[in-house]
């Protein structure tokens, strides 16, 4: 178990280049996550608006299709 623990703990200092690389990867991942979220929300809004267009409000049916006395 001690050998495994020793392999995890770094024995040398982390350089500035490694920190900038990690920061860049983290920011890149964050940007990709935000882009994915924006695309998902836009698709969801588009689907919901299309669903509303296909099934209009029942109250407006009377204006578009007035009832005849025999109905």
PDB file of N, CA and C in Angstrom:
ATOM      1  N   UNK A   1       0.821  -1.191   0.000  1.00  0.00           N
ATOM      2  CA  UNK A   1       0.000   0.000   0.000  1.00  0.00           C
ATOM      3  C   UNK A   1       0.861   1.251   0.000  1.00  0.00           C
ATOM      4  N   UNK A   2       1.991   1.203   0.672  1.00  0.00           N
ATOM      5  CA  UNK A   2       2.844   2.391   0.720  1.00  0.00           C
ATOM      6  C   UNK A   2       3.448   2.686  -0.643  1.00  0.00           C
ATOM      7  N   UNK A   3       3.711   1.666  -1.449  1.00  0.00           N
ATOM      8  CA  UNK A   3       4.264   1.905  -2.782  1.00  0.00           C
ATOM      9  C   UNK A   3       3.239   2.629  -3.650  1.00  0.00           C
ATOM     10  N   UNK A   4       1.979   2.243  -3.526  1.00  0.00           N
ATOM     11  CA  UNK A   4       0.935   2.902  -4.301  1.00  0.00           C
ATOM     12  C   UNK A   4       0.799   4.362  -3.874  1.00  0.00           C
ATOM     13  N   UNK A   5       0.841   4.615  -2.575  1.00  0.00           N
ATOM     14  CA  UNK A   5       0.728   5.986  -2.077  1.00  0.00           C
ATOM     15  C   UNK A   5       1.920   6.820  -2.519  1.00  0.00           C
ATOM     16  N   UNK A   6       3.091   6.242  -2.553  1.00  0.00           N
ATOM     17  CA  UNK A   6       4.263   6.995  -2.988  1.00  0.00           C
ATOM     18  C   UNK A   6       4.185   7.345  -4.467  1.00  0.00           C
ATOM     19  N   UNK A   7       3.555   6.500  -5.255  1.00  0.00           N
ATOM     20  CA  UNK A   7       3.492   6.797  -6.677  1.00  0.00           C
ATOM     21  C   UNK A   7       2.515   7.933  -6.973  1.00  0.00           C
ATOM     22  N   UNK A   8       1.559   8.176  -6.070  1.00  0.00           N
ATOM     23  CA  UNK A   8       0.596   9.257  -6.285  1.00  0.00           C
ATOM     24  C   UNK A   8       1.191  10.602  -5.889  1.00  0.00           C
ATOM     25  N   UNK A   9       1.919  10.650  -4.797  1.00  0.00           N
ATOM     26  CA  UNK A   9       2.460  11.909  -4.290  1.00  0.00           C
ATOM     27  C   UNK A   9       3.596  12.368  -5.201  1.00  0.00           C
ATOM     28  N   UNK A  10       3.509  13.609  -5.723  1.00  0.00           N
ATOM     29  CA  UNK A  10       4.592  14.085  -6.590  1.00  0.00           C
ATOM     30  C   UNK A  10       5.864  14.330  -5.780  1.00  0.00           C
ATOM     31  N   UNK A  11       6.971  13.981  -6.359  1.00  0.00           N
ATOM     32  CA  UNK A  11       8.245  14.152  -5.652  1.00  0.00           C
ATOM     33  C   UNK A  11       8.944  15.426  -6.074  1.00  0.00           C
ATOM     34  N   UNK A  12       8.496  16.076  -7.124  1.00  0.00           N
ATOM     35  CA  UNK A  12       9.127  17.322  -7.563  1.00  0.00           C
ATOM     36  C   UNK A  12       8.066  18.414  -7.676  1.00  0.00           C
ATOM     37  N   UNK A  13       8.508  19.624  -7.678  1.00  0.00           N
ATOM     38  CA  UNK A  13       7.585  20.757  -7.726  1.00  0.00           C
ATOM     39  C   UNK A  13       6.905  20.840  -9.097  1.00  0.00           C
ATOM     40  N   UNK A  14       5.691  21.337  -9.091  1.00  0.00           N
ATOM     41  CA  UNK A  14       4.943  21.526 -10.335  1.00  0.00           C
ATOM     42  C   UNK A  14       5.426  22.814 -10.982  1.00  0.00           C
ATOM     43  N   UNK A  15       5.726  22.740 -12.253  1.00  0.00           N
ATOM     44  CA  UNK A  15       6.265  23.917 -12.938  1.00  0.00           C
ATOM     45  C   UNK A  15       5.130  24.838 -13.365  1.00  0.00           C
ATOM     46  N   UNK A  16       5.500  26.061 -13.719  1.00  0.00           N
ATOM     47  CA  UNK A  16       4.524  27.034 -14.171  1.00  0.00           C
ATOM     48  C   UNK A  16       3.862  26.606 -15.474  1.00  0.00           C
ATOM     49  N   UNK A  17       4.630  25.947 -16.342  1.00  0.00           N
ATOM     50  CA  UNK A  17       4.069  25.501 -17.614  1.00  0.00           C
ATOM     51  C   UNK A  17       2.985  24.448 -17.382  1.00  0.00           C
ATOM     52  N   UNK A  18       3.197  23.563 -16.421  1.00  0.00           N
ATOM     53  CA  UNK A  18       2.177  22.555 -16.118  1.00  0.00           C
ATOM     54  C   UNK A  18       0.918  23.195 -15.553  1.00  0.00           C
ATOM     55  N   UNK A  19       1.090  24.225 -14.711  1.00  0.00           N
ATOM     56  CA  UNK A  19      -0.076  24.914 -14.164  1.00  0.00           C
ATOM     57  C   UNK A  19      -0.864  25.615 -15.269  1.00  0.00           C
ATOM     58  N   UNK A  20      -0.158  26.268 -16.193  1.00  0.00           N
ATOM     59  CA  UNK A  20      -0.851  26.933 -17.299  1.00  0.00           C
ATOM     60  C   UNK A  20      -1.559  25.922 -18.195  1.00  0.00           C
ATOM     61  N   UNK A  21      -0.937  24.744 -18.367  1.00  0.00           N
ATOM     62  CA  UNK A  21      -1.568  23.701 -19.171  1.00  0.00           C
ATOM     63  C   UNK A  21      -2.848  23.215 -18.500  1.00  0.00           C
ATOM     64  N   UNK A  22      -2.793  22.975 -17.204  1.00  0.00           N
ATOM     65  CA  UNK A  22      -3.992  22.551 -16.482  1.00  0.00           C
ATOM     66  C   UNK A  22      -5.067  23.623 -16.500  1.00  0.00           C
ATOM     67  N   UNK A  23      -4.668  24.877 -16.346  1.00  0.00           N
ATOM     68  CA  UNK A  23      -5.625  25.973 -16.389  1.00  0.00           C
ATOM     69  C   UNK A  23      -6.270  26.077 -17.770  1.00  0.00           C
ATOM     70  N   UNK A  24      -5.468  25.912 -18.801  1.00  0.00           N
ATOM     71  CA  UNK A  24      -6.008  25.944 -20.159  1.00  0.00           C
ATOM     72  C   UNK A  24      -6.977  24.808 -20.421  1.00  0.00           C
ATOM     73  N   UNK A  25      -6.639  23.620 -19.941  1.00  0.00           N
ATOM     74  CA  UNK A  25      -7.548  22.483 -20.119  1.00  0.00           C
ATOM     75  C   UNK A  25      -8.845  22.695 -19.356  1.00  0.00           C
ATOM     76  N   UNK A  26      -8.740  23.229 -18.145  1.00  0.00           N
ATOM     77  CA  UNK A  26      -9.949  23.477 -17.359  1.00  0.00           C
ATOM     78  C   UNK A  26     -10.835  24.530 -18.024  1.00  0.00           C
ATOM     79  N   UNK A  27     -10.232  25.605 -18.508  1.00  0.00           N
ATOM     80  CA  UNK A  27     -11.018  26.650 -19.167  1.00  0.00           C
ATOM     81  C   UNK A  27     -11.607  26.142 -20.484  1.00  0.00           C
ATOM     82  N   UNK A  28     -10.848  25.325 -21.210  1.00  0.00           N
ATOM     83  CA  UNK A  28     -11.367  24.744 -22.440  1.00  0.00           C
ATOM     84  C   UNK A  28     -12.559  23.843 -22.180  1.00  0.00           C
ATOM     85  N   UNK A  29     -12.464  23.046 -21.134  1.00  0.00           N
ATOM     86  CA  UNK A  29     -13.596  22.194 -20.769  1.00  0.00           C
ATOM     87  C   UNK A  29     -14.802  23.005 -20.346  1.00  0.00           C
ATOM     88  N   UNK A  30     -14.567  24.082 -19.634  1.00  0.00           N
ATOM     89  CA  UNK A  30     -15.673  24.951 -19.215  1.00  0.00           C
ATOM     90  C   UNK A  30     -16.347  25.607 -20.413  1.00  0.00           C
ATOM     91  N   UNK A  31     -15.550  26.058 -21.368  1.00  0.00           N
ATOM     92  CA  UNK A  31     -16.116  26.675 -22.574  1.00  0.00           C
ATOM     93  C   UNK A  31     -16.943  25.656 -23.351  1.00  0.00           C
ATOM     94  N   UNK A  32     -16.423  24.444 -23.495  1.00  0.00           N
ATOM     95  CA  UNK A  32     -17.177  23.408 -24.210  1.00  0.00           C
ATOM     96  C   UNK A  32     -18.485  23.073 -23.488  1.00  0.00           C
ATOM     97  N   UNK A  33     -18.447  23.052 -22.160  1.00  0.00           N
ATOM     98  CA  UNK A  33     -19.665  22.768 -21.395  1.00  0.00           C
ATOM     99  C   UNK A  33     -20.704  23.878 -21.591  1.00  0.00           C
ATOM    100  N   UNK A  34     -20.268  25.122 -21.601  1.00  0.00           N
ATOM    101  CA  UNK A  34     -21.198  26.235 -21.798  1.00  0.00           C
ATOM    102  C   UNK A  34     -21.786  26.194 -23.204  1.00  0.00           C
ATOM    103  N   UNK A  35     -20.954  25.912 -24.209  1.00  0.00           N
ATOM    104  CA  UNK A  35     -21.454  25.818 -25.583  1.00  0.00           C
ATOM    105  C   UNK A  35     -22.476  24.697 -25.697  1.00  0.00           C
ATOM    106  N   UNK A  36     -22.179  23.554 -25.107  1.00  0.00           N
ATOM    107  CA  UNK A  36     -23.121  22.437 -25.134  1.00  0.00           C
ATOM    108  C   UNK A  36     -24.432  22.786 -24.452  1.00  0.00           C
ATOM    109  N   UNK A  37     -24.361  23.492 -23.350  1.00  0.00           N
ATOM    110  CA  UNK A  37     -25.576  23.892 -22.641  1.00  0.00           C
ATOM    111  C   UNK A  37     -26.407  24.862 -23.480  1.00  0.00           C
ATOM    112  N   UNK A  38     -25.749  25.805 -24.133  1.00  0.00           N
ATOM    113  CA  UNK A  38     -26.468  26.770 -24.975  1.00  0.00           C
ATOM    114  C   UNK A  38     -27.145  26.054 -26.137  1.00  0.00           C
ATOM    115  N   UNK A  39     -26.451  25.127 -26.778  1.00  0.00           N
ATOM    116  CA  UNK A  39     -27.035  24.383 -27.899  1.00  0.00           C
ATOM    117  C   UNK A  39     -28.222  23.556 -27.422  1.00  0.00           C
ATOM    118  N   UNK A  40     -28.084  22.923 -26.263  1.00  0.00           N
ATOM    119  CA  UNK A  40     -29.177  22.105 -25.723  1.00  0.00           C
ATOM    120  C   UNK A  40     -30.409  22.964 -25.425  1.00  0.00           C
ATOM    121  N   UNK A  41     -30.206  24.111 -24.813  1.00  0.00           N
ATOM    122  CA  UNK A  41     -31.338  24.983 -24.472  1.00  0.00           C
ATOM    123  C   UNK A  41     -32.005  25.507 -25.741  1.00  0.00           C
ATOM    124  N   UNK A  42     -31.211  25.864 -26.759  1.00  0.00           N
ATOM    125  CA  UNK A  42     -31.809  26.357 -28.011  1.00  0.00           C
ATOM    126  C   UNK A  42     -32.633  25.277 -28.692  1.00  0.00           C
ATOM    127  N   UNK A  43     -32.125  24.041 -28.696  1.00  0.00           N
ATOM    128  CA  UNK A  43     -32.892  22.948 -29.290  1.00  0.00           C
ATOM    129  C   UNK A  43     -34.168  22.676 -28.503  1.00  0.00           C
ATOM    130  N   UNK A  44     -34.078  22.742 -27.180  1.00  0.00           N
ATOM    131  CA  UNK A  44     -35.257  22.522 -26.344  1.00  0.00           C
ATOM    132  C   UNK A  44     -36.309  23.601 -26.590  1.00  0.00           C
ATOM    133  N   UNK A  45     -35.881  24.847 -26.680  1.00  0.00           N
ATOM    134  CA  UNK A  45     -36.819  25.935 -26.943  1.00  0.00           C
ATOM    135  C   UNK A  45     -37.442  25.769 -28.325  1.00  0.00           C
ATOM    136  N   UNK A  46     -36.650  25.361 -29.309  1.00  0.00           N
ATOM    137  CA  UNK A  46     -37.184  25.164 -30.658  1.00  0.00           C
ATOM    138  C   UNK A  46     -38.226  24.054 -30.671  1.00  0.00           C
ATOM    139  N   UNK A  47     -37.941  22.957 -29.971  1.00  0.00           N
ATOM    140  CA  UNK A  47     -38.905  21.862 -29.925  1.00  0.00           C
ATOM    141  C   UNK A  47     -40.187  22.271 -29.223  1.00  0.00           C
ATOM    142  N   UNK A  48     -40.072  23.031 -28.142  1.00  0.00           N
ATOM    143  CA  UNK A  48     -41.264  23.454 -27.419  1.00  0.00           C
ATOM    144  C   UNK A  48     -42.098  24.433 -28.234  1.00  0.00           C
ATOM    145  N   UNK A  49     -41.449  25.329 -28.964  1.00  0.00           N
ATOM    146  CA  UNK A  49     -42.222  26.276 -29.773  1.00  0.00           C
ATOM    147  C   UNK A  49     -42.894  25.567 -30.943  1.00  0.00           C
ATOM    148  N   UNK A  50     -42.234  24.566 -31.511  1.00  0.00           N
ATOM    149  CA  UNK A  50     -42.870  23.804 -32.599  1.00  0.00           C
ATOM    150  C   UNK A  50     -44.064  23.022 -32.066  1.00  0.00           C
ATOM    151  N   UNK A  51     -43.953  22.492 -30.866  1.00  0.00           N
ATOM    152  CA  UNK A  51     -45.070  21.739 -30.282  1.00  0.00           C
ATOM    153  C   UNK A  51     -46.257  22.667 -30.019  1.00  0.00           C
ATOM    154  N   UNK A  52     -46.004  23.896 -29.616  1.00  0.00           N
ATOM    155  CA  UNK A  52     -47.093  24.842 -29.382  1.00  0.00           C
ATOM    156  C   UNK A  52     -47.746  25.264 -30.687  1.00  0.00           C
ATOM    157  N   UNK A  53     -46.956  25.365 -31.760  1.00  0.00           N
ATOM    158  CA  UNK A  53     -47.531  25.750 -33.047  1.00  0.00           C
ATOM    159  C   UNK A  53     -48.430  24.642 -33.596  1.00  0.00           C
ATOM    160  N   UNK A  54     -48.059  23.398 -33.339  1.00  0.00           N
ATOM    161  CA  UNK A  54     -48.852  22.286 -33.865  1.00  0.00           C
ATOM    162  C   UNK A  54     -50.158  22.103 -33.103  1.00  0.00           C
ATOM    163  N   UNK A  55     -50.172  22.427 -31.824  1.00  0.00           N
ATOM    164  CA  UNK A  55     -51.404  22.285 -31.042  1.00  0.00           C
ATOM    165  C   UNK A  55     -51.786  23.660 -30.488  1.00  0.00           C
ATOM    166  N   UNK A  56     -52.575  24.425 -31.221  1.00  0.00           N
ATOM    167  CA  UNK A  56     -52.935  25.766 -30.756  1.00  0.00           C
ATOM    168  C   UNK A  56     -53.837  25.713 -29.525  1.00  0.00           C
ATOM    169  N   UNK A  57     -54.031  26.853 -28.939  1.00  0.00           N
ATOM    170  CA  UNK A  57     -54.853  26.981 -27.746  1.00  0.00           C
ATOM    171  C   UNK A  57     -56.305  26.610 -28.070  1.00  0.00           C
ATOM    172  N   UNK A  58     -56.924  25.713 -27.320  1.00  0.00           N
ATOM    173  CA  UNK A  58     -58.311  25.310 -27.616  1.00  0.00           C
ATOM    174  C   UNK A  58     -59.297  26.469 -27.576  1.00  0.00           C
ATOM    175  N   UNK A  59     -59.008  27.507 -26.821  1.00  0.00           N
ATOM    176  CA  UNK A  59     -59.935  28.637 -26.749  1.00  0.00           C
ATOM    177  C   UNK A  59     -60.011  29.374 -28.080  1.00  0.00           C
ATOM    178  N   UNK A  60     -58.933  29.320 -28.862  1.00  0.00           N
ATOM    179  CA  UNK A  60     -58.950  30.021 -30.146  1.00  0.00           C
ATOM    180  C   UNK A  60     -59.657  29.207 -31.228  1.00  0.00           C
ATOM    181  N   UNK A  61     -59.983  27.958 -30.970  1.00  0.00           N
ATOM    182  CA  UNK A  61     -60.650  27.134 -31.975  1.00  0.00           C
ATOM    183  C   UNK A  61     -62.030  27.711 -32.311  1.00  0.00           C
ATOM    184  N   UNK A  62     -62.704  28.243 -31.325  1.00  0.00           N
ATOM    185  CA  UNK A  62     -64.018  28.802 -31.569  1.00  0.00           C
ATOM    186  C   UNK A  62     -63.969  29.995 -32.515  1.00  0.00           C
ATOM    187  N   UNK A  63     -62.875  30.743 -32.475  1.00  0.00           N
ATOM    188  CA  UNK A  63     -62.753  31.889 -33.370  1.00  0.00           C
ATOM    189  C   UNK A  63     -62.436  31.433 -34.795  1.00  0.00           C
ATOM    190  N   UNK A  64     -61.627  30.416 -34.915  1.00  0.00           N
ATOM    191  CA  UNK A  64     -61.242  29.950 -36.244  1.00  0.00           C
ATOM    192  C   UNK A  64     -62.310  29.075 -36.871  1.00  0.00           C
ATOM    193  N   UNK A  65     -62.990  28.268 -36.074  1.00  0.00           N
ATOM    194  CA  UNK A  65     -63.998  27.336 -36.572  1.00  0.00           C
ATOM    195  C   UNK A  65     -65.279  27.531 -35.765  1.00  0.00           C
ATOM    196  N   UNK A  66     -66.105  28.471 -36.158  1.00  0.00           N
ATOM    197  CA  UNK A  66     -67.341  28.692 -35.381  1.00  0.00           C
ATOM    198  C   UNK A  66     -68.250  27.467 -35.451  1.00  0.00           C
ATOM    199  N   UNK A  67     -68.924  27.190 -34.365  1.00  0.00           N
ATOM    200  CA  UNK A  67     -69.828  26.032 -34.318  1.00  0.00           C
ATOM    201  C   UNK A  67     -71.093  26.308 -35.104  1.00  0.00           C
ATOM    202  N   UNK A  68     -71.550  25.279 -35.738  1.00  0.00           N
ATOM    203  CA  UNK A  68     -72.822  25.371 -36.440  1.00  0.00           C
ATOM    204  C   UNK A  68     -73.919  24.880 -35.498  1.00  0.00           C
ATOM    205  N   UNK A  69     -75.120  25.249 -35.724  1.00  0.00           N
ATOM    206  CA  UNK A  69     -76.200  24.821 -34.817  1.00  0.00           C
ATOM    207  C   UNK A  69     -76.329  23.300 -34.729  1.00  0.00           C
ATOM    208  N   UNK A  70     -75.951  22.561 -35.757  1.00  0.00           N
ATOM    209  CA  UNK A  70     -76.094  21.110 -35.716  1.00  0.00           C
ATOM    210  C   UNK A  70     -74.963  20.403 -34.985  1.00  0.00           C
ATOM    211  N   UNK A  71     -73.896  21.091 -34.638  1.00  0.00           N
ATOM    212  CA  UNK A  71     -72.737  20.438 -33.998  1.00  0.00           C
ATOM    213  C   UNK A  71     -72.973  20.156 -32.548  1.00  0.00           C
TER     214      UNK A  71
END
